[in-house]
Amino acid sequence: MNIMDFNVKKLAADAGTFLSRAVQFTEEKLGQAEKTELDAHLENLLSKAECTKLWTEKIMKQTEVLLQPNPNARIEEFVYEKLDRKAPSRMNNPELLGQYMIDAGNEFGPGTAYGNALIKCGETQKRIGAADRELIQTSAINFLTPLRNFIEGDYKTISKERKLLQNKRLDLDAAKTRLKKAKVAEARAAQLNTSQPEENNIMIWAEEVTKSEQEVRITQSEFDRQAEITRLLLEGISSTHAHHLRCLNDFVEAQMTYYAQCYQYMLDLQKQLGSFPSTFLSNNNQSSTTPVQSVSTPSVLASASASLPSVSNSVVTSGLSELKSSSGSRKARVLYDYDAANSSELSLLADEVITVYSIPGMDSDWLMGERGNQKGKVPITYLELLN
């Protein structure tokens, strides 16, 4: 029974405290009660913490979108993370594209120009996909996890203490309001006592004032203590910024590594496709010698830049242009097998050497080819001009 009585009394006390806070909060909103203002330094710290939380959430969410654009995949990863289970492994977009290219190249034939190029491009796409996977993993560990730990850990603690500070302030202001009312009532009782002596009323209100003053001292002490606790937590935001700065540097380094790898992979692919004249001739007979705006790259890419193909686009293009504008002929090596589509074309075998020349009115993508007594049109994309 004693335990039950204690629980009932505690419940009643808690209900009374909650009601007192609710009344105080409502009167403050209506302008009917005074409110204890926090000092400027604490208000500034609270604003800084709220701003940090807001932008950390936005940066974290957008980074997740950057690393994983598929919203369904993000939801699936979130569910598996909450269930503490490993998400099933699947190909990312570059890897899937690379696999399609490789399958298509094998279907068209590795011995054909298009098929061989597709296979080379597919292999490069799969390497980029692997680099992309490594970027996601590194960024999640070194950047996203610290941000998430702040939102779900440190800031939750700050929010809890901030709410407790708000409750302590309401308790303090409610106590001040009761003290003010008790003093007003005591003064009225003293005025009435001059005409109608009632010492009991004066004693009652005097005791109420003393009780209220003691309550104000207690609530003031609790409020000051909670304000100090909250202030100490909020001052840790500066350390959080310093930690997030280090994490940001790690994220930038991971991105730099990723883009450097992709750049190197594409340089290697360009080398492999360098023997394809089609890589130097754009569609619709547009010039491929358009200047490319220079891009500043990190020092880690310096060696990669030095490995660019020694034959420039303009040299290859000018060689074909000179051949088409002249009446002379040149020797050319066949890069891939080619089956003639009709009697006006010449079938080709890889690695054979033929004579090629241009005739007036011929399509820009074709040359005339001769092999012994045989001659016919041949696609320039299958040829490598010899010096």
Protein backbone atom coordinates (compact mmCIF):
# COMPACT_ATOMS: atom_id res chain seq x y z
CA MET A 1 0.00 0.00 0.00
CA ASN A 2 2.86 2.38 0.87
CA ILE A 3 4.45 1.85 -2.56
CA MET A 4 1.09 2.40 -4.26
CA ASP A 5 0.49 5.58 -2.25
CA PHE A 6 3.97 6.80 -3.22
CA ASN A 7 3.31 6.16 -6.92
CA VAL A 8 -0.03 7.96 -6.74
CA LYS A 9 1.55 10.94 -5.01
CA LYS A 10 4.38 11.03 -7.56
CA LEU A 11 1.90 10.84 -10.42
CA ALA A 12 -0.14 13.64 -8.92
CA ALA A 13 2.99 15.76 -8.43
CA ASP A 14 4.11 15.17 -12.01
CA ALA A 15 0.65 16.06 -13.28
CA GLY A 16 0.71 19.24 -11.21
CA THR A 17 4.14 20.17 -12.57
CA PHE A 18 3.04 19.51 -16.15
CA LEU A 19 -0.10 21.61 -15.65
CA SER A 20 1.92 24.43 -14.10
CA ARG A 21 4.31 24.43 -17.08
CA ALA A 22 1.43 24.36 -19.54
CA VAL A 23 -0.26 27.33 -17.85
CA GLN A 24 3.00 29.29 -17.76
CA PHE A 25 3.75 28.54 -21.42
CA THR A 26 0.23 29.57 -22.49
CA GLU A 27 0.33 32.81 -20.51
CA GLU A 28 3.72 33.65 -22.03
CA LYS A 29 2.34 33.16 -25.52
CA LEU A 30 -0.62 35.38 -24.66
CA GLY A 31 1.66 38.02 -23.16
CA GLN A 32 0.15 37.61 -19.71
CA ALA A 33 3.30 36.34 -17.96
CA GLU A 34 6.95 37.33 -17.85
CA LYS A 35 9.59 35.08 -19.38
CA THR A 36 13.17 34.58 -18.21
CA GLU A 37 15.44 35.25 -21.18
CA LEU A 38 18.58 33.20 -21.76
CA ASP A 39 21.89 35.05 -21.88
CA ALA A 40 23.14 36.13 -25.32
CA HIS A 41 26.03 33.66 -25.34
CA LEU A 42 23.75 30.68 -24.70
CA GLU A 43 21.25 31.88 -27.31
CA ASN A 44 24.08 32.17 -29.83
CA LEU A 45 25.25 28.62 -29.05
CA LEU A 46 21.71 27.28 -29.45
CA SER A 47 21.38 29.02 -32.82
CA LYS A 48 24.75 27.64 -33.95
CA ALA A 49 23.75 24.09 -32.94
CA GLU A 50 20.43 24.33 -34.78
CA CYS A 51 22.15 25.68 -37.89
CA THR A 52 24.76 22.89 -37.73
CA LYS A 53 22.06 20.24 -37.45
CA LEU A 54 20.04 21.69 -40.34
CA TRP A 55 22.94 21.88 -42.81
CA THR A 56 24.48 18.60 -41.70
CA GLU A 57 21.19 16.84 -42.53
CA LYS A 58 20.99 18.53 -45.94
CA ILE A 59 24.62 17.76 -46.83
CA MET A 60 24.28 14.17 -45.65
CA LYS A 61 21.08 13.52 -47.63
CA GLN A 62 22.42 15.11 -50.81
CA THR A 63 25.69 13.19 -50.52
CA GLU A 64 23.65 9.99 -50.32
CA VAL A 65 21.79 11.04 -53.48
CA LEU A 66 25.11 11.80 -55.20
CA LEU A 67 26.61 8.43 -54.30
CA GLN A 68 23.41 6.44 -54.92
CA PRO A 69 21.02 8.25 -57.32
CA ASN A 70 18.48 5.39 -57.24
CA PRO A 71 15.93 6.16 -54.45
CA ASN A 72 14.72 2.56 -54.31
CA ALA A 73 18.27 1.33 -53.74
CA ARG A 74 18.72 3.90 -50.95
CA ILE A 75 15.52 2.73 -49.25
CA GLU A 76 16.61 -0.90 -49.54
CA GLU A 77 20.04 -0.11 -48.05
CA PHE A 78 18.34 1.79 -45.21
CA VAL A 79 16.05 -1.14 -44.41
CA TYR A 80 18.91 -3.64 -44.41
CA GLU A 81 20.95 -1.31 -42.21
CA LYS A 82 18.12 -1.06 -39.66
CA LEU A 83 17.74 -4.83 -39.72
CA ASP A 84 21.50 -5.14 -39.21
CA ARG A 85 21.79 -7.30 -42.30
CA LYS A 86 24.05 -7.04 -45.32
CA ALA A 87 22.35 -5.81 -48.49
CA PRO A 88 22.56 -8.18 -51.48
CA SER A 89 25.38 -7.35 -53.88
CA ARG A 90 24.36 -6.17 -57.32
CA MET A 91 25.97 -4.44 -60.29
CA ASN A 92 26.01 -0.65 -60.27
CA ASN A 93 25.14 1.35 -63.39
CA PRO A 94 28.65 1.54 -64.94
CA GLU A 95 29.21 -2.19 -64.33
CA LEU A 96 25.83 -3.04 -65.86
CA LEU A 97 26.54 -0.86 -68.90
CA GLY A 98 29.98 -2.46 -69.22
CA GLN A 99 28.50 -5.96 -69.14
CA TYR A 100 25.96 -5.04 -71.83
CA MET A 101 28.75 -3.64 -74.01
CA ILE A 102 30.88 -6.78 -73.58
CA ASP A 103 27.92 -9.06 -74.35
CA ALA A 104 27.04 -6.99 -77.42
CA GLY A 105 30.66 -7.00 -78.61
CA ASN A 106 30.85 -10.78 -78.33
CA GLU A 107 27.55 -11.05 -80.17
CA PHE A 108 28.70 -8.80 -83.03
CA GLY A 109 32.07 -10.55 -83.09
CA PRO A 110 35.35 -9.56 -81.39
CA GLY A 111 36.99 -9.59 -84.81
CA THR A 112 34.84 -6.71 -86.06
CA ALA A 113 35.72 -3.08 -85.44
CA TYR A 114 32.50 -2.30 -83.61
CA GLY A 115 32.50 -5.51 -81.60
CA ASN A 116 36.11 -5.11 -80.49
CA ALA A 117 35.54 -1.46 -79.52
CA LEU A 118 32.45 -2.39 -77.52
CA ILE A 119 34.39 -4.99 -75.55
CA LYS A 120 37.19 -2.54 -74.77
CA CYS A 121 34.69 0.14 -73.70
CA GLY A 122 32.77 -2.40 -71.62
CA GLU A 123 35.88 -3.47 -69.74
CA THR A 124 36.66 0.18 -68.99
CA GLN A 125 33.11 0.80 -67.79
CA LYS A 126 33.42 -2.12 -65.39
CA ARG A 127 36.66 -0.68 -64.01
CA ILE A 128 34.88 2.65 -63.50
CA GLY A 129 32.06 0.77 -61.76
CA ALA A 130 34.56 -0.83 -59.38
CA ALA A 131 36.08 2.59 -58.65
CA ASP A 132 32.59 3.96 -58.07
CA ARG A 133 31.88 1.17 -55.58
CA GLU A 134 35.10 1.97 -53.73
CA LEU A 135 34.19 5.69 -53.63
CA ILE A 136 30.80 4.88 -52.09
CA GLN A 137 32.33 2.61 -49.46
CA THR A 138 35.09 5.06 -48.53
CA SER A 139 32.73 8.04 -48.41
CA ALA A 140 30.22 6.16 -46.29
CA ILE A 141 32.86 5.28 -43.69
CA ASN A 142 34.88 8.51 -43.62
CA PHE A 143 32.19 11.12 -44.33
CA LEU A 144 28.56 9.99 -44.03
CA THR A 145 28.95 7.94 -40.85
CA PRO A 146 30.45 10.82 -38.78
CA LEU A 147 27.68 13.16 -39.97
CA ARG A 148 25.02 10.60 -39.12
CA ASN A 149 26.58 9.97 -35.71
CA PHE A 150 26.28 13.68 -34.93
CA ILE A 151 22.60 13.82 -35.95
CA GLU A 152 21.60 10.60 -34.20
CA GLY A 153 23.94 10.92 -31.20
CA ASP A 154 25.37 14.28 -30.15
CA TYR A 155 22.49 16.41 -31.38
CA LYS A 156 19.89 14.16 -29.77
CA THR A 157 21.68 14.63 -26.45
CA ILE A 158 21.74 18.40 -27.01
CA SER A 159 18.02 18.39 -27.85
CA LYS A 160 17.22 16.40 -24.71
CA GLU A 161 19.15 18.81 -22.47
CA ARG A 162 17.70 21.80 -24.29
CA LYS A 163 14.17 20.53 -23.65
CA LEU A 164 15.05 19.97 -20.00
CA LEU A 165 16.36 23.55 -19.83
CA GLN A 166 13.08 24.79 -21.26
CA ASN A 167 11.16 22.89 -18.56
CA LYS A 168 13.42 24.28 -15.82
CA ARG A 169 12.83 27.80 -17.16
CA LEU A 170 9.06 27.27 -17.12
CA ASP A 171 9.29 25.98 -13.54
CA LEU A 172 11.31 29.06 -12.54
CA ASP A 173 8.94 31.52 -14.19
CA ALA A 174 5.90 29.74 -12.73
CA ALA A 175 7.47 30.01 -9.28
CA LYS A 176 8.15 33.73 -9.84
CA THR A 177 4.53 34.22 -10.89
CA ARG A 178 3.25 32.48 -7.75
CA LEU A 179 5.57 34.59 -5.60
CA LYS A 180 4.32 37.75 -7.27
CA LYS A 181 0.69 36.77 -6.71
CA ALA A 182 1.43 35.81 -3.07
CA LYS A 183 3.00 39.23 -2.38
CA VAL A 184 0.03 41.02 -3.96
CA ALA A 185 -2.36 38.95 -1.82
CA GLU A 186 -0.28 39.65 1.32
CA ALA A 187 -0.39 43.38 0.64
CA ARG A 188 -4.17 43.33 0.20
CA ALA A 189 -4.57 41.35 3.41
CA ALA A 190 -2.46 43.94 5.25
CA GLN A 191 -4.66 46.76 3.93
CA LEU A 192 -7.84 44.97 5.00
CA ASN A 193 -6.36 44.35 8.45
CA THR A 194 -6.44 48.06 9.26
CA SER A 195 -10.26 48.06 9.24
CA GLN A 196 -10.99 44.43 10.12
CA PRO A 197 -8.22 42.78 12.11
CA GLU A 198 -7.66 39.27 10.74
CA GLU A 199 -4.18 38.19 11.77
CA ASN A 200 -4.76 34.65 10.51
CA ASN A 201 -5.06 35.85 6.87
CA ILE A 202 -1.89 37.88 7.19
CA MET A 203 -0.01 34.89 8.61
CA ILE A 204 -1.29 32.60 5.87
CA TRP A 205 -0.14 34.87 3.07
CA ALA A 206 3.16 35.55 4.84
CA GLU A 207 3.80 31.81 4.95
CA GLU A 208 2.80 31.57 1.27
CA VAL A 209 5.29 34.28 0.36
CA THR A 210 8.06 32.54 2.32
CA LYS A 211 7.22 29.24 0.62
CA SER A 212 7.18 30.86 -2.82
CA GLU A 213 10.50 32.58 -2.20
CA GLN A 214 12.07 29.23 -1.26
CA GLU A 215 10.57 27.65 -4.39
CA VAL A 216 12.04 30.43 -6.55
CA ARG A 217 15.49 29.88 -5.01
CA ILE A 218 15.29 26.12 -5.69
CA THR A 219 14.02 26.50 -9.27
CA GLN A 220 16.59 29.22 -9.96
CA SER A 221 19.38 26.91 -8.80
CA GLU A 222 18.07 24.05 -10.95
CA PHE A 223 17.71 26.36 -13.94
CA ASP A 224 21.26 27.70 -13.55
CA ARG A 225 22.64 24.17 -13.25
CA GLN A 226 20.79 22.98 -16.35
CA ALA A 227 21.86 26.08 -18.28
CA GLU A 228 25.50 25.29 -17.47
CA ILE A 229 25.12 21.67 -18.60
CA THR A 230 23.48 22.78 -21.85
CA ARG A 231 26.16 25.42 -22.42
CA LEU A 232 28.98 22.89 -22.02
CA LEU A 233 27.33 20.56 -24.54
CA LEU A 234 26.75 23.38 -27.01
CA GLU A 235 30.34 24.56 -26.81
CA GLY A 236 31.29 21.14 -28.18
CA ILE A 237 29.80 22.21 -31.54
CA SER A 238 33.12 23.88 -32.38
CA SER A 239 34.87 20.52 -31.93
CA THR A 240 32.19 18.94 -34.11
CA HIS A 241 32.96 21.44 -36.88
CA ALA A 242 36.67 20.62 -36.64
CA HIS A 243 35.91 16.88 -36.86
CA HIS A 244 33.57 17.37 -39.81
CA LEU A 245 36.26 19.41 -41.55
CA ARG A 246 38.65 16.45 -41.34
CA CYS A 247 35.89 14.19 -42.66
CA LEU A 248 35.28 16.63 -45.52
CA ASN A 249 38.96 16.47 -46.46
CA ASP A 250 38.72 12.68 -46.51
CA PHE A 251 35.67 12.91 -48.79
CA VAL A 252 37.46 15.28 -51.18
CA GLU A 253 40.47 12.97 -51.27
CA ALA A 254 38.22 9.99 -52.04
CA GLN A 255 36.58 11.92 -54.89
CA MET A 256 39.97 13.02 -56.23
CA THR A 257 41.17 9.42 -56.24
CA TYR A 258 37.98 8.30 -57.98
CA TYR A 259 38.12 10.92 -60.73
CA ALA A 260 41.86 10.35 -61.21
CA GLN A 261 41.21 6.62 -61.68
CA CYS A 262 38.40 7.33 -64.15
CA TYR A 263 40.60 9.79 -66.02
CA GLN A 264 43.40 7.24 -66.26
CA TYR A 265 41.00 4.50 -67.37
CA MET A 266 39.68 6.73 -70.16
CA LEU A 267 43.21 7.65 -71.24
CA ASP A 268 44.05 3.96 -71.46
CA LEU A 269 40.85 3.35 -73.44
CA GLN A 270 41.70 6.21 -75.77
CA LYS A 271 45.07 4.61 -76.40
CA GLN A 272 43.45 1.27 -77.19
CA LEU A 273 41.00 2.94 -79.57
CA GLY A 274 43.70 5.22 -81.00
CA SER A 275 44.17 2.99 -84.03
CA PHE A 276 40.50 3.53 -84.97
CA PRO A 277 40.26 6.40 -87.44
CA SER A 278 36.63 6.71 -86.36
CA THR A 279 37.80 7.98 -83.01
CA PHE A 280 39.28 10.99 -84.73
CA LEU A 281 36.41 11.63 -87.16
CA SER A 282 33.12 12.85 -85.77
CA ASN A 283 29.71 12.15 -87.27
CA ASN A 284 28.04 14.43 -89.78
CA ASN A 285 31.46 15.36 -91.24
CA GLN A 286 32.11 17.79 -88.36
CA SER A 287 35.72 18.70 -87.73
CA SER A 288 37.33 16.77 -84.93
CA THR A 289 40.03 19.37 -84.48
CA THR A 290 37.88 21.69 -82.36
CA PRO A 291 40.09 22.99 -79.57
CA VAL A 292 39.37 21.41 -76.22
CA GLN A 293 39.33 23.72 -73.26
CA SER A 294 42.21 22.89 -70.97
CA VAL A 295 41.29 21.49 -67.57
CA SER A 296 43.47 21.83 -64.54
CA THR A 297 44.10 18.41 -63.04
CA PRO A 298 45.76 17.33 -59.79
CA SER A 299 49.43 16.42 -59.71
CA VAL A 300 48.51 12.75 -59.52
CA LEU A 301 47.27 13.09 -63.11
CA ALA A 302 50.48 14.59 -64.48
CA SER A 303 51.91 11.24 -65.50
CA ALA A 304 48.58 10.30 -67.06
CA SER A 305 48.55 13.48 -69.13
CA ALA A 306 52.00 12.64 -70.48
CA SER A 307 50.69 9.33 -71.76
CA LEU A 308 48.30 10.85 -74.30
CA PRO A 309 48.58 9.38 -77.83
CA SER A 310 51.44 10.93 -79.78
CA VAL A 311 49.36 11.18 -82.94
CA SER A 312 47.01 14.13 -82.72
CA ASN A 313 43.53 14.35 -84.15
CA SER A 314 44.60 17.00 -86.62
CA VAL A 315 47.40 14.85 -88.04
CA VAL A 316 45.15 11.90 -88.80
CA THR A 317 42.39 14.09 -90.14
CA SER A 318 44.80 16.04 -92.33
CA GLY A 319 46.22 12.77 -93.76
CA LEU A 320 42.78 11.65 -94.89
CA SER A 321 41.92 15.13 -96.16
CA GLU A 322 45.11 15.27 -98.24
CA LEU A 323 44.39 11.85 -99.70
CA LYS A 324 40.85 12.86 -100.66
CA SER A 325 41.95 16.16 -102.20
CA SER A 326 44.83 14.63 -104.18
CA SER A 327 44.77 12.29 -107.12
CA GLY A 328 47.45 10.07 -105.64
CA SER A 329 47.17 6.79 -103.74
CA ARG A 330 48.37 5.51 -100.37
CA LYS A 331 48.98 2.18 -98.74
CA ALA A 332 46.66 1.29 -95.85
CA ARG A 333 46.53 -1.57 -93.39
CA VAL A 334 43.16 -3.23 -92.78
CA LEU A 335 42.26 -3.20 -89.08
CA TYR A 336 39.29 -5.58 -89.09
CA ASP A 337 37.53 -8.01 -91.38
CA TYR A 338 34.84 -6.42 -93.54
CA ASP A 339 32.23 -8.20 -95.66
CA ALA A 340 31.16 -6.25 -98.75
CA ALA A 341 27.46 -5.35 -98.69
CA ASN A 342 27.21 -5.24 -102.52
CA SER A 343 29.28 -5.59 -105.67
CA SER A 344 30.50 -1.98 -105.49
CA GLU A 345 32.35 -2.67 -102.25
CA LEU A 346 35.53 -4.62 -101.57
CA SER A 347 35.69 -7.30 -98.87
CA LEU A 348 38.63 -6.94 -96.48
CA LEU A 349 40.73 -9.20 -94.26
CA ALA A 350 42.35 -7.96 -91.07
CA ASP A 351 46.06 -7.02 -91.30
CA GLU A 352 46.24 -7.11 -95.10
CA VAL A 353 47.71 -4.09 -96.90
CA ILE A 354 45.79 -2.53 -99.81
CA THR A 355 46.08 0.55 -101.98
CA VAL A 356 43.51 3.29 -101.40
CA TYR A 357 42.68 6.49 -103.19
CA SER A 358 39.80 8.92 -103.54
CA ILE A 359 37.67 9.79 -106.54
CA PRO A 360 35.59 12.96 -107.04
CA GLY A 361 32.07 12.86 -105.63
CA MET A 362 32.75 9.91 -103.27
CA ASP A 363 31.16 9.91 -99.81
CA SER A 364 33.49 11.25 -97.12
CA ASP A 365 33.32 7.98 -95.14
CA TRP A 366 34.61 5.85 -98.03
CA LEU A 367 37.71 5.39 -100.20
CA MET A 368 38.39 3.27 -103.25
CA GLY A 369 40.51 0.24 -102.43
CA GLU A 370 42.57 -2.03 -104.71
CA ARG A 371 43.98 -5.49 -104.04
CA GLY A 372 45.55 -6.97 -107.14
CA ASN A 373 42.86 -7.02 -109.83
CA GLN A 374 40.07 -6.45 -107.31
CA LYS A 375 38.82 -3.03 -106.38
CA GLY A 376 35.82 -1.45 -104.71
CA LYS A 377 34.68 0.96 -102.03
CA VAL A 378 36.05 0.45 -98.50
CA PRO A 379 35.06 2.21 -95.24
CA ILE A 380 37.80 4.46 -93.93
CA THR A 381 37.01 3.43 -90.34
CA TYR A 382 38.49 0.01 -91.09
CA LEU A 383 41.79 1.41 -92.35
CA GLU A 384 45.05 2.70 -90.95
CA LEU A 385 47.02 4.83 -93.40
CA LEU A 386 50.68 3.89 -93.69
CA ASN A 387 53.50 6.38 -94.12
